[in-house]
Amino acid sequence: MDKDKVKVFHIEESEWVDIEEGIKRRTVALGRNMMLNMYRNEKGSVIPQHNHPQELMAVLLEGEVEVTFNEKKYQLKPGMGYHIPPGVMHGPFVTTSEKPALYLDILSPPREQEEYAKK
């Protein structure tokens, strides 16, 4: 994708990639200073606690997720989101709803695609 040109995209254009058991990610759009990802997490799936050098914002579109930020648990429902500054530990993220959790996140700056594909 050319990072210096305007691009119109559709979420369905990108492929799902398995990243953990019950968790899929698709990179929807990649820009010079940010990347947009969609996640689909099945019931009971867990994204372990982690951190990264990027700033992150996300919004939950479907399902419910229990997440821990600063040792406090939150039950997220559709329409709720969060902002995580660079380097802050967050997680685990546990999908608690019967239907999958679907959410969009934006990372800035973007992760290197080669490194990101391995995770």
PDB file of N, CA and C in Angstrom:
ATOM      1  N   MET A   1       0.851  -1.183   0.000  1.00  0.00           N
ATOM      2  CA  MET A   1       0.000   0.000   0.000  1.00  0.00           C
ATOM      3  C   MET A   1       0.890   1.237   0.000  1.00  0.00           C
ATOM      4  N   ASP A   2       0.619   2.177  -0.893  1.00  0.00           N
ATOM      5  CA  ASP A   2       1.392   3.403  -0.969  1.00  0.00           C
ATOM      6  C   ASP A   2       0.962   4.323   0.173  1.00  0.00           C
ATOM      7  N   LYS A   3       1.882   4.623   1.079  1.00  0.00           N
ATOM      8  CA  LYS A   3       1.567   5.410   2.273  1.00  0.00           C
ATOM      9  C   LYS A   3       1.414   6.899   2.004  1.00  0.00           C
ATOM     10  N   ASP A   4       1.741   7.361   0.777  1.00  0.00           N
ATOM     11  CA  ASP A   4       1.683   8.781   0.460  1.00  0.00           C
ATOM     12  C   ASP A   4       0.484   9.160  -0.398  1.00  0.00           C
ATOM     13  N   LYS A   5      -0.408   8.242  -0.650  1.00  0.00           N
ATOM     14  CA  LYS A   5      -1.560   8.524  -1.515  1.00  0.00           C
ATOM     15  C   LYS A   5      -2.850   8.264  -0.750  1.00  0.00           C
ATOM     16  N   VAL A   6      -3.901   8.972  -1.164  1.00  0.00           N
ATOM     17  CA  VAL A   6      -5.222   8.736  -0.602  1.00  0.00           C
ATOM     18  C   VAL A   6      -5.679   7.353  -1.032  1.00  0.00           C
ATOM     19  N   LYS A   7      -6.277   6.608  -0.116  1.00  0.00           N
ATOM     20  CA  LYS A   7      -6.785   5.280  -0.441  1.00  0.00           C
ATOM     21  C   LYS A   7      -8.153   5.106   0.200  1.00  0.00           C
ATOM     22  N   VAL A   8      -9.096   4.682  -0.572  1.00  0.00           N
ATOM     23  CA  VAL A   8     -10.400   4.306  -0.057  1.00  0.00           C
ATOM     24  C   VAL A   8     -10.355   2.795   0.136  1.00  0.00           C
ATOM     25  N   PHE A   9     -10.811   2.322   1.277  1.00  0.00           N
ATOM     26  CA  PHE A   9     -10.722   0.894   1.553  1.00  0.00           C
ATOM     27  C   PHE A   9     -12.028   0.371   2.124  1.00  0.00           C
ATOM     28  N   HIS A  10     -12.165  -0.916   2.101  1.00  0.00           N
ATOM     29  CA  HIS A  10     -13.289  -1.619   2.720  1.00  0.00           C
ATOM     30  C   HIS A  10     -12.711  -2.650   3.670  1.00  0.00           C
ATOM     31  N   ILE A  11     -13.288  -2.774   4.825  1.00  0.00           N
ATOM     32  CA  ILE A  11     -12.775  -3.698   5.847  1.00  0.00           C
ATOM     33  C   ILE A  11     -12.630  -5.112   5.299  1.00  0.00           C
ATOM     34  N   GLU A  12     -13.533  -5.529   4.432  1.00  0.00           N
ATOM     35  CA  GLU A  12     -13.518  -6.904   3.921  1.00  0.00           C
ATOM     36  C   GLU A  12     -12.390  -7.179   2.925  1.00  0.00           C
ATOM     37  N   GLU A  13     -11.657  -6.131   2.490  1.00  0.00           N
ATOM     38  CA  GLU A  13     -10.573  -6.331   1.523  1.00  0.00           C
ATOM     39  C   GLU A  13      -9.379  -7.065   2.101  1.00  0.00           C
ATOM     40  N   SER A  14      -9.173  -6.998   3.394  1.00  0.00           N
ATOM     41  CA  SER A  14      -7.997  -7.611   4.001  1.00  0.00           C
ATOM     42  C   SER A  14      -8.337  -8.980   4.581  1.00  0.00           C
ATOM     43  N   GLU A  15      -7.330  -9.837   4.610  1.00  0.00           N
ATOM     44  CA  GLU A  15      -7.510 -11.214   5.075  1.00  0.00           C
ATOM     45  C   GLU A  15      -7.366 -11.313   6.586  1.00  0.00           C
ATOM     46  N   TRP A  16      -8.105 -12.241   7.188  1.00  0.00           N
ATOM     47  CA  TRP A  16      -7.940 -12.553   8.601  1.00  0.00           C
ATOM     48  C   TRP A  16      -6.666 -13.372   8.782  1.00  0.00           C
ATOM     49  N   VAL A  17      -5.941 -13.102   9.856  1.00  0.00           N
ATOM     50  CA  VAL A  17      -4.740 -13.849  10.221  1.00  0.00           C
ATOM     51  C   VAL A  17      -4.946 -14.378  11.635  1.00  0.00           C
ATOM     52  N   ASP A  18      -4.698 -15.683  11.859  1.00  0.00           N
ATOM     53  CA  ASP A  18      -4.776 -16.253  13.204  1.00  0.00           C
ATOM     54  C   ASP A  18      -3.569 -15.787  14.004  1.00  0.00           C
ATOM     55  N   ILE A  19      -3.811 -15.178  15.185  1.00  0.00           N
ATOM     56  CA  ILE A  19      -2.683 -14.728  16.001  1.00  0.00           C
ATOM     57  C   ILE A  19      -2.574 -15.474  17.325  1.00  0.00           C
ATOM     58  N   GLU A  20      -3.653 -15.999  17.825  1.00  0.00           N
ATOM     59  CA  GLU A  20      -3.691 -16.826  19.032  1.00  0.00           C
ATOM     60  C   GLU A  20      -4.894 -17.740  18.839  1.00  0.00           C
ATOM     61  N   GLU A  21      -5.001 -18.747  19.671  1.00  0.00           N
ATOM     62  CA  GLU A  21      -6.163 -19.628  19.561  1.00  0.00           C
ATOM     63  C   GLU A  21      -7.438 -18.817  19.805  1.00  0.00           C
ATOM     64  N   GLY A  22      -8.343 -18.844  18.826  1.00  0.00           N
ATOM     65  CA  GLY A  22      -9.616 -18.138  18.945  1.00  0.00           C
ATOM     66  C   GLY A  22      -9.549 -16.647  18.662  1.00  0.00           C
ATOM     67  N   ILE A  23      -8.393 -16.146  18.173  1.00  0.00           N
ATOM     68  CA  ILE A  23      -8.225 -14.717  17.925  1.00  0.00           C
ATOM     69  C   ILE A  23      -7.688 -14.501  16.511  1.00  0.00           C
ATOM     70  N   LYS A  24      -8.405 -13.658  15.766  1.00  0.00           N
ATOM     71  CA  LYS A  24      -7.995 -13.320  14.406  1.00  0.00           C
ATOM     72  C   LYS A  24      -7.821 -11.813  14.306  1.00  0.00           C
ATOM     73  N   ARG A  25      -6.903 -11.393  13.421  1.00  0.00           N
ATOM     74  CA  ARG A  25      -6.656  -9.974  13.191  1.00  0.00           C
ATOM     75  C   ARG A  25      -6.580  -9.727  11.695  1.00  0.00           C
ATOM     76  N   ARG A  26      -7.084  -8.585  11.273  1.00  0.00           N
ATOM     77  CA  ARG A  26      -6.868  -8.141   9.897  1.00  0.00           C
ATOM     78  C   ARG A  26      -6.363  -6.699   9.963  1.00  0.00           C
ATOM     79  N   THR A  27      -5.332  -6.408   9.175  1.00  0.00           N
ATOM     80  CA  THR A  27      -4.854  -5.037   9.059  1.00  0.00           C
ATOM     81  C   THR A  27      -5.688  -4.387   7.974  1.00  0.00           C
ATOM     82  N   VAL A  28      -6.556  -3.493   8.382  1.00  0.00           N
ATOM     83  CA  VAL A  28      -7.519  -2.867   7.488  1.00  0.00           C
ATOM     84  C   VAL A  28      -6.872  -1.785   6.648  1.00  0.00           C
ATOM     85  N   ALA A  29      -6.040  -0.952   7.269  1.00  0.00           N
ATOM     86  CA  ALA A  29      -5.388   0.143   6.553  1.00  0.00           C
ATOM     87  C   ALA A  29      -4.066   0.459   7.235  1.00  0.00           C
ATOM     88  N   LEU A  30      -3.098   0.834   6.413  1.00  0.00           N
ATOM     89  CA  LEU A  30      -1.762   1.153   6.915  1.00  0.00           C
ATOM     90  C   LEU A  30      -1.345   2.496   6.347  1.00  0.00           C
ATOM     91  N   GLY A  31      -1.054   3.438   7.242  1.00  0.00           N
ATOM     92  CA  GLY A  31      -0.593   4.756   6.826  1.00  0.00           C
ATOM     93  C   GLY A  31       0.825   4.997   7.300  1.00  0.00           C
ATOM     94  N   ARG A  32       1.309   6.172   7.043  1.00  0.00           N
ATOM     95  CA  ARG A  32       2.668   6.519   7.459  1.00  0.00           C
ATOM     96  C   ARG A  32       2.773   6.596   8.977  1.00  0.00           C
ATOM     97  N   ASN A  33       1.732   7.113   9.655  1.00  0.00           N
ATOM     98  CA  ASN A  33       1.797   7.362  11.092  1.00  0.00           C
ATOM     99  C   ASN A  33       0.811   6.553  11.927  1.00  0.00           C
ATOM    100  N   MET A  34       0.026   5.705  11.292  1.00  0.00           N
ATOM    101  CA  MET A  34      -0.943   4.913  12.044  1.00  0.00           C
ATOM    102  C   MET A  34      -1.336   3.677  11.257  1.00  0.00           C
ATOM    103  N   MET A  35      -1.913   2.716  11.983  1.00  0.00           N
ATOM    104  CA  MET A  35      -2.480   1.538  11.320  1.00  0.00           C
ATOM    105  C   MET A  35      -3.809   1.213  11.983  1.00  0.00           C
ATOM    106  N   LEU A  36      -4.741   0.734  11.170  1.00  0.00           N
ATOM    107  CA  LEU A  36      -6.074   0.369  11.621  1.00  0.00           C
ATOM    108  C   LEU A  36      -6.211  -1.142  11.501  1.00  0.00           C
ATOM    109  N   ASN A  37      -6.549  -1.791  12.628  1.00  0.00           N
ATOM    110  CA  ASN A  37      -6.705  -3.245  12.674  1.00  0.00           C
ATOM    111  C   ASN A  37      -8.091  -3.605  13.165  1.00  0.00           C
ATOM    112  N   MET A  38      -8.580  -4.758  12.737  1.00  0.00           N
ATOM    113  CA  MET A  38      -9.820  -5.311  13.261  1.00  0.00           C
ATOM    114  C   MET A  38      -9.484  -6.654  13.904  1.00  0.00           C
ATOM    115  N   TYR A  39     -10.074  -6.913  15.053  1.00  0.00           N
ATOM    116  CA  TYR A  39      -9.895  -8.179  15.756  1.00  0.00           C
ATOM    117  C   TYR A  39     -11.229  -8.883  15.902  1.00  0.00           C
ATOM    118  N   ARG A  40     -11.166 -10.208  15.872  1.00  0.00           N
ATOM    119  CA  ARG A  40     -12.340 -11.050  16.126  1.00  0.00           C
ATOM    120  C   ARG A  40     -11.891 -12.097  17.141  1.00  0.00           C
ATOM    121  N   ASN A  41     -12.433 -12.011  18.352  1.00  0.00           N
ATOM    122  CA  ASN A  41     -12.047 -12.900  19.442  1.00  0.00           C
ATOM    123  C   ASN A  41     -13.227 -13.783  19.844  1.00  0.00           C
ATOM    124  N   GLU A  42     -13.037 -15.090  19.766  1.00  0.00           N
ATOM    125  CA  GLU A  42     -14.084 -16.044  20.126  1.00  0.00           C
ATOM    126  C   GLU A  42     -14.278 -16.089  21.641  1.00  0.00           C
ATOM    127  N   LYS A  43     -15.430 -16.585  22.082  1.00  0.00           N
ATOM    128  CA  LYS A  43     -15.743 -16.697  23.503  1.00  0.00           C
ATOM    129  C   LYS A  43     -14.626 -17.447  24.229  1.00  0.00           C
ATOM    130  N   GLY A  44     -14.202 -16.910  25.358  1.00  0.00           N
ATOM    131  CA  GLY A  44     -13.185 -17.540  26.181  1.00  0.00           C
ATOM    132  C   GLY A  44     -11.762 -17.284  25.730  1.00  0.00           C
ATOM    133  N   SER A  45     -11.574 -16.653  24.586  1.00  0.00           N
ATOM    134  CA  SER A  45     -10.215 -16.380  24.110  1.00  0.00           C
ATOM    135  C   SER A  45      -9.561 -15.332  25.005  1.00  0.00           C
ATOM    136  N   VAL A  46      -8.231 -15.414  25.082  1.00  0.00           N
ATOM    137  CA  VAL A  46      -7.488 -14.517  25.961  1.00  0.00           C
ATOM    138  C   VAL A  46      -6.291 -13.916  25.212  1.00  0.00           C
ATOM    139  N   ILE A  47      -6.195 -12.601  25.244  1.00  0.00           N
ATOM    140  CA  ILE A  47      -4.982 -11.913  24.806  1.00  0.00           C
ATOM    141  C   ILE A  47      -4.231 -11.607  26.098  1.00  0.00           C
ATOM    142  N   PRO A  48      -3.034 -12.170  26.281  1.00  0.00           N
ATOM    143  CA  PRO A  48      -2.313 -11.984  27.547  1.00  0.00           C
ATOM    144  C   PRO A  48      -1.872 -10.539  27.774  1.00  0.00           C
ATOM    145  N   GLN A  49      -1.503 -10.259  29.006  1.00  0.00           N
ATOM    146  CA  GLN A  49      -0.995  -8.939  29.356  1.00  0.00           C
ATOM    147  C   GLN A  49       0.257  -8.651  28.520  1.00  0.00           C
ATOM    148  N   HIS A  50       0.365  -7.411  28.046  1.00  0.00           N
ATOM    149  CA  HIS A  50       1.490  -7.021  27.213  1.00  0.00           C
ATOM    150  C   HIS A  50       1.590  -5.499  27.164  1.00  0.00           C
ATOM    151  N   ASN A  51       2.616  -5.007  26.516  1.00  0.00           N
ATOM    152  CA  ASN A  51       2.722  -3.585  26.216  1.00  0.00           C
ATOM    153  C   ASN A  51       3.425  -3.438  24.876  1.00  0.00           C
ATOM    154  N   HIS A  52       3.453  -2.239  24.360  1.00  0.00           N
ATOM    155  CA  HIS A  52       4.119  -1.961  23.094  1.00  0.00           C
ATOM    156  C   HIS A  52       4.458  -0.477  23.035  1.00  0.00           C
ATOM    157  N   PRO A  53       5.388  -0.114  22.176  1.00  0.00           N
ATOM    158  CA  PRO A  53       5.814   1.289  22.124  1.00  0.00           C
ATOM    159  C   PRO A  53       4.823   2.223  21.430  1.00  0.00           C
ATOM    160  N   GLN A  54       3.763   1.678  20.836  1.00  0.00           N
ATOM    161  CA  GLN A  54       2.787   2.501  20.133  1.00  0.00           C
ATOM    162  C   GLN A  54       1.675   2.985  21.070  1.00  0.00           C
ATOM    163  N   GLU A  55       1.116   4.127  20.733  1.00  0.00           N
ATOM    164  CA  GLU A  55      -0.126   4.599  21.344  1.00  0.00           C
ATOM    165  C   GLU A  55      -1.251   3.797  20.703  1.00  0.00           C
ATOM    166  N   LEU A  56      -2.273   3.450  21.482  1.00  0.00           N
ATOM    167  CA  LEU A  56      -3.363   2.604  20.994  1.00  0.00           C
ATOM    168  C   LEU A  56      -4.708   3.173  21.413  1.00  0.00           C
ATOM    169  N   MET A  57      -5.641   3.193  20.463  1.00  0.00           N
ATOM    170  CA  MET A  57      -7.050   3.485  20.759  1.00  0.00           C
ATOM    171  C   MET A  57      -7.869   2.389  20.113  1.00  0.00           C
ATOM    172  N   ALA A  58      -8.954   1.998  20.791  1.00  0.00           N
ATOM    173  CA  ALA A  58      -9.800   0.937  20.249  1.00  0.00           C
ATOM    174  C   ALA A  58     -11.247   1.178  20.642  1.00  0.00           C
ATOM    175  N   VAL A  59     -12.157   0.592  19.856  1.00  0.00           N
ATOM    176  CA  VAL A  59     -13.577   0.629  20.172  1.00  0.00           C
ATOM    177  C   VAL A  59     -14.165  -0.751  19.898  1.00  0.00           C
ATOM    178  N   LEU A  60     -14.967  -1.229  20.837  1.00  0.00           N
ATOM    179  CA  LEU A  60     -15.624  -2.526  20.718  1.00  0.00           C
ATOM    180  C   LEU A  60     -16.908  -2.351  19.913  1.00  0.00           C
ATOM    181  N   LEU A  61     -17.064  -3.177  18.871  1.00  0.00           N
ATOM    182  CA  LEU A  61     -18.237  -3.086  17.996  1.00  0.00           C
ATOM    183  C   LEU A  61     -19.298  -4.119  18.338  1.00  0.00           C
ATOM    184  N   GLU A  62     -18.866  -5.331  18.716  1.00  0.00           N
ATOM    185  CA  GLU A  62     -19.787  -6.427  19.050  1.00  0.00           C
ATOM    186  C   GLU A  62     -19.187  -7.248  20.177  1.00  0.00           C
ATOM    187  N   GLY A  63     -20.061  -7.961  20.911  1.00  0.00           N
ATOM    188  CA  GLY A  63     -19.614  -8.841  21.972  1.00  0.00           C
ATOM    189  C   GLY A  63     -19.249  -8.078  23.234  1.00  0.00           C
ATOM    190  N   GLU A  64     -18.668  -8.817  24.198  1.00  0.00           N
ATOM    191  CA  GLU A  64     -18.235  -8.228  25.460  1.00  0.00           C
ATOM    192  C   GLU A  64     -16.862  -8.775  25.824  1.00  0.00           C
ATOM    193  N   VAL A  65     -16.063  -7.909  26.444  1.00  0.00           N
ATOM    194  CA  VAL A  65     -14.697  -8.265  26.807  1.00  0.00           C
ATOM    195  C   VAL A  65     -14.409  -7.755  28.215  1.00  0.00           C
ATOM    196  N   GLU A  66     -13.775  -8.602  29.034  1.00  0.00           N
ATOM    197  CA  GLU A  66     -13.265  -8.147  30.322  1.00  0.00           C
ATOM    198  C   GLU A  66     -11.781  -7.857  30.132  1.00  0.00           C
ATOM    199  N   VAL A  67     -11.364  -6.663  30.509  1.00  0.00           N
ATOM    200  CA  VAL A  67      -9.975  -6.263  30.323  1.00  0.00           C
ATOM    201  C   VAL A  67      -9.454  -5.604  31.591  1.00  0.00           C
ATOM    202  N   THR A  68      -8.166  -5.752  31.812  1.00  0.00           N
ATOM    203  CA  THR A  68      -7.529  -5.151  32.975  1.00  0.00           C
ATOM    204  C   THR A  68      -6.581  -4.044  32.519  1.00  0.00           C
ATOM    205  N   PHE A  69      -6.789  -2.857  33.102  1.00  0.00           N
ATOM    206  CA  PHE A  69      -5.903  -1.716  32.907  1.00  0.00           C
ATOM    207  C   PHE A  69      -5.486  -1.240  34.292  1.00  0.00           C
ATOM    208  N   ASN A  70      -4.192  -1.091  34.527  1.00  0.00           N
ATOM    209  CA  ASN A  70      -3.690  -0.607  35.821  1.00  0.00           C
ATOM    210  C   ASN A  70      -4.284  -1.392  36.994  1.00  0.00           C
ATOM    211  N   GLU A  71      -4.332  -2.708  36.851  1.00  0.00           N
ATOM    212  CA  GLU A  71      -4.809  -3.636  37.878  1.00  0.00           C
ATOM    213  C   GLU A  71      -6.296  -3.480  38.206  1.00  0.00           C
ATOM    214  N   LYS A  72      -7.056  -2.786  37.372  1.00  0.00           N
ATOM    215  CA  LYS A  72      -8.500  -2.644  37.552  1.00  0.00           C
ATOM    216  C   LYS A  72      -9.194  -3.296  36.376  1.00  0.00           C
ATOM    217  N   LYS A  73     -10.227  -4.141  36.666  1.00  0.00           N
ATOM    218  CA  LYS A  73     -10.961  -4.837  35.607  1.00  0.00           C
ATOM    219  C   LYS A  73     -12.137  -3.995  35.126  1.00  0.00           C
ATOM    220  N   TYR A  74     -12.350  -4.050  33.808  1.00  0.00           N
ATOM    221  CA  TYR A  74     -13.464  -3.344  33.169  1.00  0.00           C
ATOM    222  C   TYR A  74     -14.213  -4.334  32.299  1.00  0.00           C
ATOM    223  N   GLN A  75     -15.538  -4.240  32.297  1.00  0.00           N
ATOM    224  CA  GLN A  75     -16.363  -5.037  31.394  1.00  0.00           C
ATOM    225  C   GLN A  75     -16.773  -4.121  30.250  1.00  0.00           C
ATOM    226  N   LEU A  76     -16.200  -4.365  29.070  1.00  0.00           N
ATOM    227  CA  LEU A  76     -16.490  -3.522  27.912  1.00  0.00           C
ATOM    228  C   LEU A  76     -17.641  -4.095  27.099  1.00  0.00           C
ATOM    229  N   LYS A  77     -18.525  -3.217  26.674  1.00  0.00           N
ATOM    230  CA  LYS A  77     -19.681  -3.566  25.852  1.00  0.00           C
ATOM    231  C   LYS A  77     -19.598  -2.770  24.551  1.00  0.00           C
ATOM    232  N   PRO A  78     -20.390  -3.146  23.535  1.00  0.00           N
ATOM    233  CA  PRO A  78     -20.331  -2.427  22.263  1.00  0.00           C
ATOM    234  C   PRO A  78     -20.478  -0.917  22.444  1.00  0.00           C
ATOM    235  N   GLY A  79     -19.654  -0.186  21.725  1.00  0.00           N
ATOM    236  CA  GLY A  79     -19.648   1.262  21.804  1.00  0.00           C
ATOM    237  C   GLY A  79     -18.630   1.818  22.780  1.00  0.00           C
ATOM    238  N   MET A  80     -18.109   0.967  23.670  1.00  0.00           N
ATOM    239  CA  MET A  80     -17.089   1.404  24.623  1.00  0.00           C
ATOM    240  C   MET A  80     -15.711   1.259  23.994  1.00  0.00           C
ATOM    241  N   GLY A  81     -14.792   2.098  24.398  1.00  0.00           N
ATOM    242  CA  GLY A  81     -13.444   2.045  23.868  1.00  0.00           C
ATOM    243  C   GLY A  81     -12.430   2.397  24.930  1.00  0.00           C
ATOM    244  N   TYR A  82     -11.171   2.478  24.522  1.00  0.00           N
ATOM    245  CA  TYR A  82     -10.100   2.803  25.456  1.00  0.00           C
ATOM    246  C   TYR A  82      -8.924   3.428  24.716  1.00  0.00           C
ATOM    247  N   HIS A  83      -8.108   4.133  25.478  1.00  0.00           N
ATOM    248  CA  HIS A  83      -6.874   4.744  24.986  1.00  0.00           C
ATOM    249  C   HIS A  83      -5.751   4.266  25.897  1.00  0.00           C
ATOM    250  N   ILE A  84      -4.661   3.772  25.297  1.00  0.00           N
ATOM    251  CA  ILE A  84      -3.521   3.285  26.066  1.00  0.00           C
ATOM    252  C   ILE A  84      -2.274   4.033  25.583  1.00  0.00           C
ATOM    253  N   PRO A  85      -1.619   4.773  26.481  1.00  0.00           N
ATOM    254  CA  PRO A  85      -0.381   5.449  26.097  1.00  0.00           C
ATOM    255  C   PRO A  85       0.729   4.434  25.793  1.00  0.00           C
ATOM    256  N   PRO A  86       1.759   4.856  25.074  1.00  0.00           N
ATOM    257  CA  PRO A  86       2.867   3.959  24.753  1.00  0.00           C
ATOM    258  C   PRO A  86       3.517   3.372  26.008  1.00  0.00           C
ATOM    259  N   GLY A  87       3.858   2.088  25.943  1.00  0.00           N
ATOM    260  CA  GLY A  87       4.599   1.431  27.007  1.00  0.00           C
ATOM    261  C   GLY A  87       3.796   0.968  28.217  1.00  0.00           C
ATOM    262  N   VAL A  88       2.500   1.273  28.285  1.00  0.00           N
ATOM    263  CA  VAL A  88       1.680   0.906  29.444  1.00  0.00           C
ATOM    264  C   VAL A  88       1.231  -0.555  29.332  1.00  0.00           C
ATOM    265  N   MET A  89       1.455  -1.338  30.394  1.00  0.00           N
ATOM    266  CA  MET A  89       1.000  -2.733  30.425  1.00  0.00           C
ATOM    267  C   MET A  89      -0.528  -2.754  30.405  1.00  0.00           C
ATOM    268  N   HIS A  90      -1.088  -3.684  29.640  1.00  0.00           N
ATOM    269  CA  HIS A  90      -2.542  -3.832  29.574  1.00  0.00           C
ATOM    270  C   HIS A  90      -2.894  -5.283  29.287  1.00  0.00           C
ATOM    271  N   GLY A  91      -4.064  -5.679  29.769  1.00  0.00           N
ATOM    272  CA  GLY A  91      -4.521  -7.049  29.600  1.00  0.00           C
ATOM    273  C   GLY A  91      -4.461  -7.780  30.925  1.00  0.00           C
ATOM    274  N   PRO A  92      -4.938  -9.000  30.938  1.00  0.00           N
ATOM    275  CA  PRO A  92      -5.429  -9.747  29.782  1.00  0.00           C
ATOM    276  C   PRO A  92      -6.790  -9.246  29.295  1.00  0.00           C
ATOM    277  N   PHE A  93      -7.081  -9.573  28.028  1.00  0.00           N
ATOM    278  CA  PHE A  93      -8.375  -9.312  27.411  1.00  0.00           C
ATOM    279  C   PHE A  93      -9.067 -10.668  27.302  1.00  0.00           C
ATOM    280  N   VAL A  94     -10.218 -10.827  27.948  1.00  0.00           N
ATOM    281  CA  VAL A  94     -10.939 -12.099  27.938  1.00  0.00           C
ATOM    282  C   VAL A  94     -12.321 -11.863  27.323  1.00  0.00           C
ATOM    283  N   THR A  95     -12.638 -12.584  26.256  1.00  0.00           N
ATOM    284  CA  THR A  95     -13.953 -12.456  25.628  1.00  0.00           C
ATOM    285  C   THR A  95     -14.957 -13.221  26.476  1.00  0.00           C
ATOM    286  N   THR A  96     -15.962 -12.505  26.995  1.00  0.00           N
ATOM    287  CA  THR A  96     -16.924 -13.092  27.924  1.00  0.00           C
ATOM    288  C   THR A  96     -18.295 -13.334  27.303  1.00  0.00           C
ATOM    289  N   SER A  97     -18.548 -12.788  26.129  1.00  0.00           N
ATOM    290  CA  SER A  97     -19.859 -12.944  25.499  1.00  0.00           C
ATOM    291  C   SER A  97     -19.933 -14.257  24.721  1.00  0.00           C
ATOM    292  N   GLU A  98     -21.156 -14.729  24.496  1.00  0.00           N
ATOM    293  CA  GLU A  98     -21.358 -15.939  23.696  1.00  0.00           C
ATOM    294  C   GLU A  98     -20.908 -15.716  22.257  1.00  0.00           C
ATOM    295  N   LYS A  99     -21.249 -14.541  21.716  1.00  0.00           N
ATOM    296  CA  LYS A  99     -20.819 -14.261  20.344  1.00  0.00           C
ATOM    297  C   LYS A  99     -19.437 -13.632  20.382  1.00  0.00           C
ATOM    298  N   PRO A 100     -18.695 -13.705  19.290  1.00  0.00           N
ATOM    299  CA  PRO A 100     -17.340 -13.155  19.260  1.00  0.00           C
ATOM    300  C   PRO A 100     -17.305 -11.656  19.544  1.00  0.00           C
ATOM    301  N   ALA A 101     -16.204 -11.210  20.102  1.00  0.00           N
ATOM    302  CA  ALA A 101     -15.957  -9.786  20.275  1.00  0.00           C
ATOM    303  C   ALA A 101     -15.311  -9.288  18.988  1.00  0.00           C
ATOM    304  N   LEU A 102     -15.811  -8.197  18.476  1.00  0.00           N
ATOM    305  CA  LEU A 102     -15.287  -7.595  17.254  1.00  0.00           C
ATOM    306  C   LEU A 102     -14.923  -6.156  17.587  1.00  0.00           C
ATOM    307  N   TYR A 103     -13.674  -5.781  17.343  1.00  0.00           N
ATOM    308  CA  TYR A 103     -13.287  -4.409  17.630  1.00  0.00           C
ATOM    309  C   TYR A 103     -12.237  -3.898  16.664  1.00  0.00           C
ATOM    310  N   LEU A 104     -12.198  -2.572  16.572  1.00  0.00           N
ATOM    311  CA  LEU A 104     -11.216  -1.867  15.752  1.00  0.00           C
ATOM    312  C   LEU A 104     -10.192  -1.223  16.662  1.00  0.00           C
ATOM    313  N   ASP A 105      -8.927  -1.278  16.263  1.00  0.00           N
ATOM    314  CA  ASP A 105      -7.926  -0.513  17.002  1.00  0.00           C
ATOM    315  C   ASP A 105      -7.027   0.260  16.048  1.00  0.00           C
ATOM    316  N   ILE A 106      -6.506   1.351  16.562  1.00  0.00           N
ATOM    317  CA  ILE A 106      -5.589   2.201  15.818  1.00  0.00           C
ATOM    318  C   ILE A 106      -4.294   2.288  16.607  1.00  0.00           C
ATOM    319  N   LEU A 107      -3.190   1.976  15.946  1.00  0.00           N
ATOM    320  CA  LEU A 107      -1.861   2.080  16.543  1.00  0.00           C
ATOM    321  C   LEU A 107      -1.102   3.213  15.863  1.00  0.00           C
ATOM    322  N   SER A 108      -0.398   3.984  16.673  1.00  0.00           N
ATOM    323  CA  SER A 108       0.441   5.040  16.121  1.00  0.00           C
ATOM    324  C   SER A 108       1.725   5.126  16.929  1.00  0.00           C
ATOM    325  N   PRO A 109       2.875   5.064  16.275  1.00  0.00           N
ATOM    326  CA  PRO A 109       3.073   4.805  14.858  1.00  0.00           C
ATOM    327  C   PRO A 109       2.753   3.346  14.538  1.00  0.00           C
ATOM    328  N   PRO A 110       2.634   3.000  13.260  1.00  0.00           N
ATOM    329  CA  PRO A 110       2.321   1.619  12.911  1.00  0.00           C
ATOM    330  C   PRO A 110       3.467   0.677  13.294  1.00  0.00           C
ATOM    331  N   ARG A 111       3.099  -0.565  13.552  1.00  0.00           N
ATOM    332  CA  ARG A 111       4.116  -1.590  13.767  1.00  0.00           C
ATOM    333  C   ARG A 111       4.723  -1.935  12.423  1.00  0.00           C
ATOM    334  N   GLU A 112       5.960  -2.399  12.459  1.00  0.00           N
ATOM    335  CA  GLU A 112       6.577  -2.909  11.230  1.00  0.00           C
ATOM    336  C   GLU A 112       5.798  -4.140  10.806  1.00  0.00           C
ATOM    337  N   GLN A 113       5.360  -4.208   9.575  1.00  0.00           N
ATOM    338  CA  GLN A 113       4.514  -5.304   9.111  1.00  0.00           C
ATOM    339  C   GLN A 113       5.186  -6.669   9.258  1.00  0.00           C
ATOM    340  N   GLU A 114       6.490  -6.762   8.981  1.00  0.00           N
ATOM    341  CA  GLU A 114       7.169  -8.052   9.072  1.00  0.00           C
ATOM    342  C   GLU A 114       7.160  -8.540  10.518  1.00  0.00           C
ATOM    343  N   GLU A 115       7.485  -7.649  11.449  1.00  0.00           N
ATOM    344  CA  GLU A 115       7.494  -8.001  12.872  1.00  0.00           C
ATOM    345  C   GLU A 115       6.083  -8.306  13.349  1.00  0.00           C
ATOM    346  N   TYR A 116       5.118  -7.503  12.886  1.00  0.00           N
ATOM    347  CA  TYR A 116       3.733  -7.636  13.316  1.00  0.00           C
ATOM    348  C   TYR A 116       3.143  -8.963  12.849  1.00  0.00           C
ATOM    349  N   ALA A 117       3.496  -9.395  11.665  1.00  0.00           N
ATOM    350  CA  ALA A 117       2.961 -10.643  11.125  1.00  0.00           C
ATOM    351  C   ALA A 117       3.409 -11.839  11.945  1.00  0.00           C
ATOM    352  N   LYS A 118       4.554 -11.755  12.616  1.00  0.00           N
ATOM    353  CA  LYS A 118       5.063 -12.866  13.421  1.00  0.00           C
ATOM    354  C   LYS A 118       4.337 -12.998  14.749  1.00  0.00           C
ATOM    355  N   LYS A 119       3.699 -11.912  15.234  1.00  0.00           N
ATOM    356  CA  LYS A 119       3.086 -11.937  16.555  1.00  0.00           C
ATOM    357  C   LYS A 119       1.661 -12.446  16.507  1.00  0.00           C
TER     358      LYS A 119
END
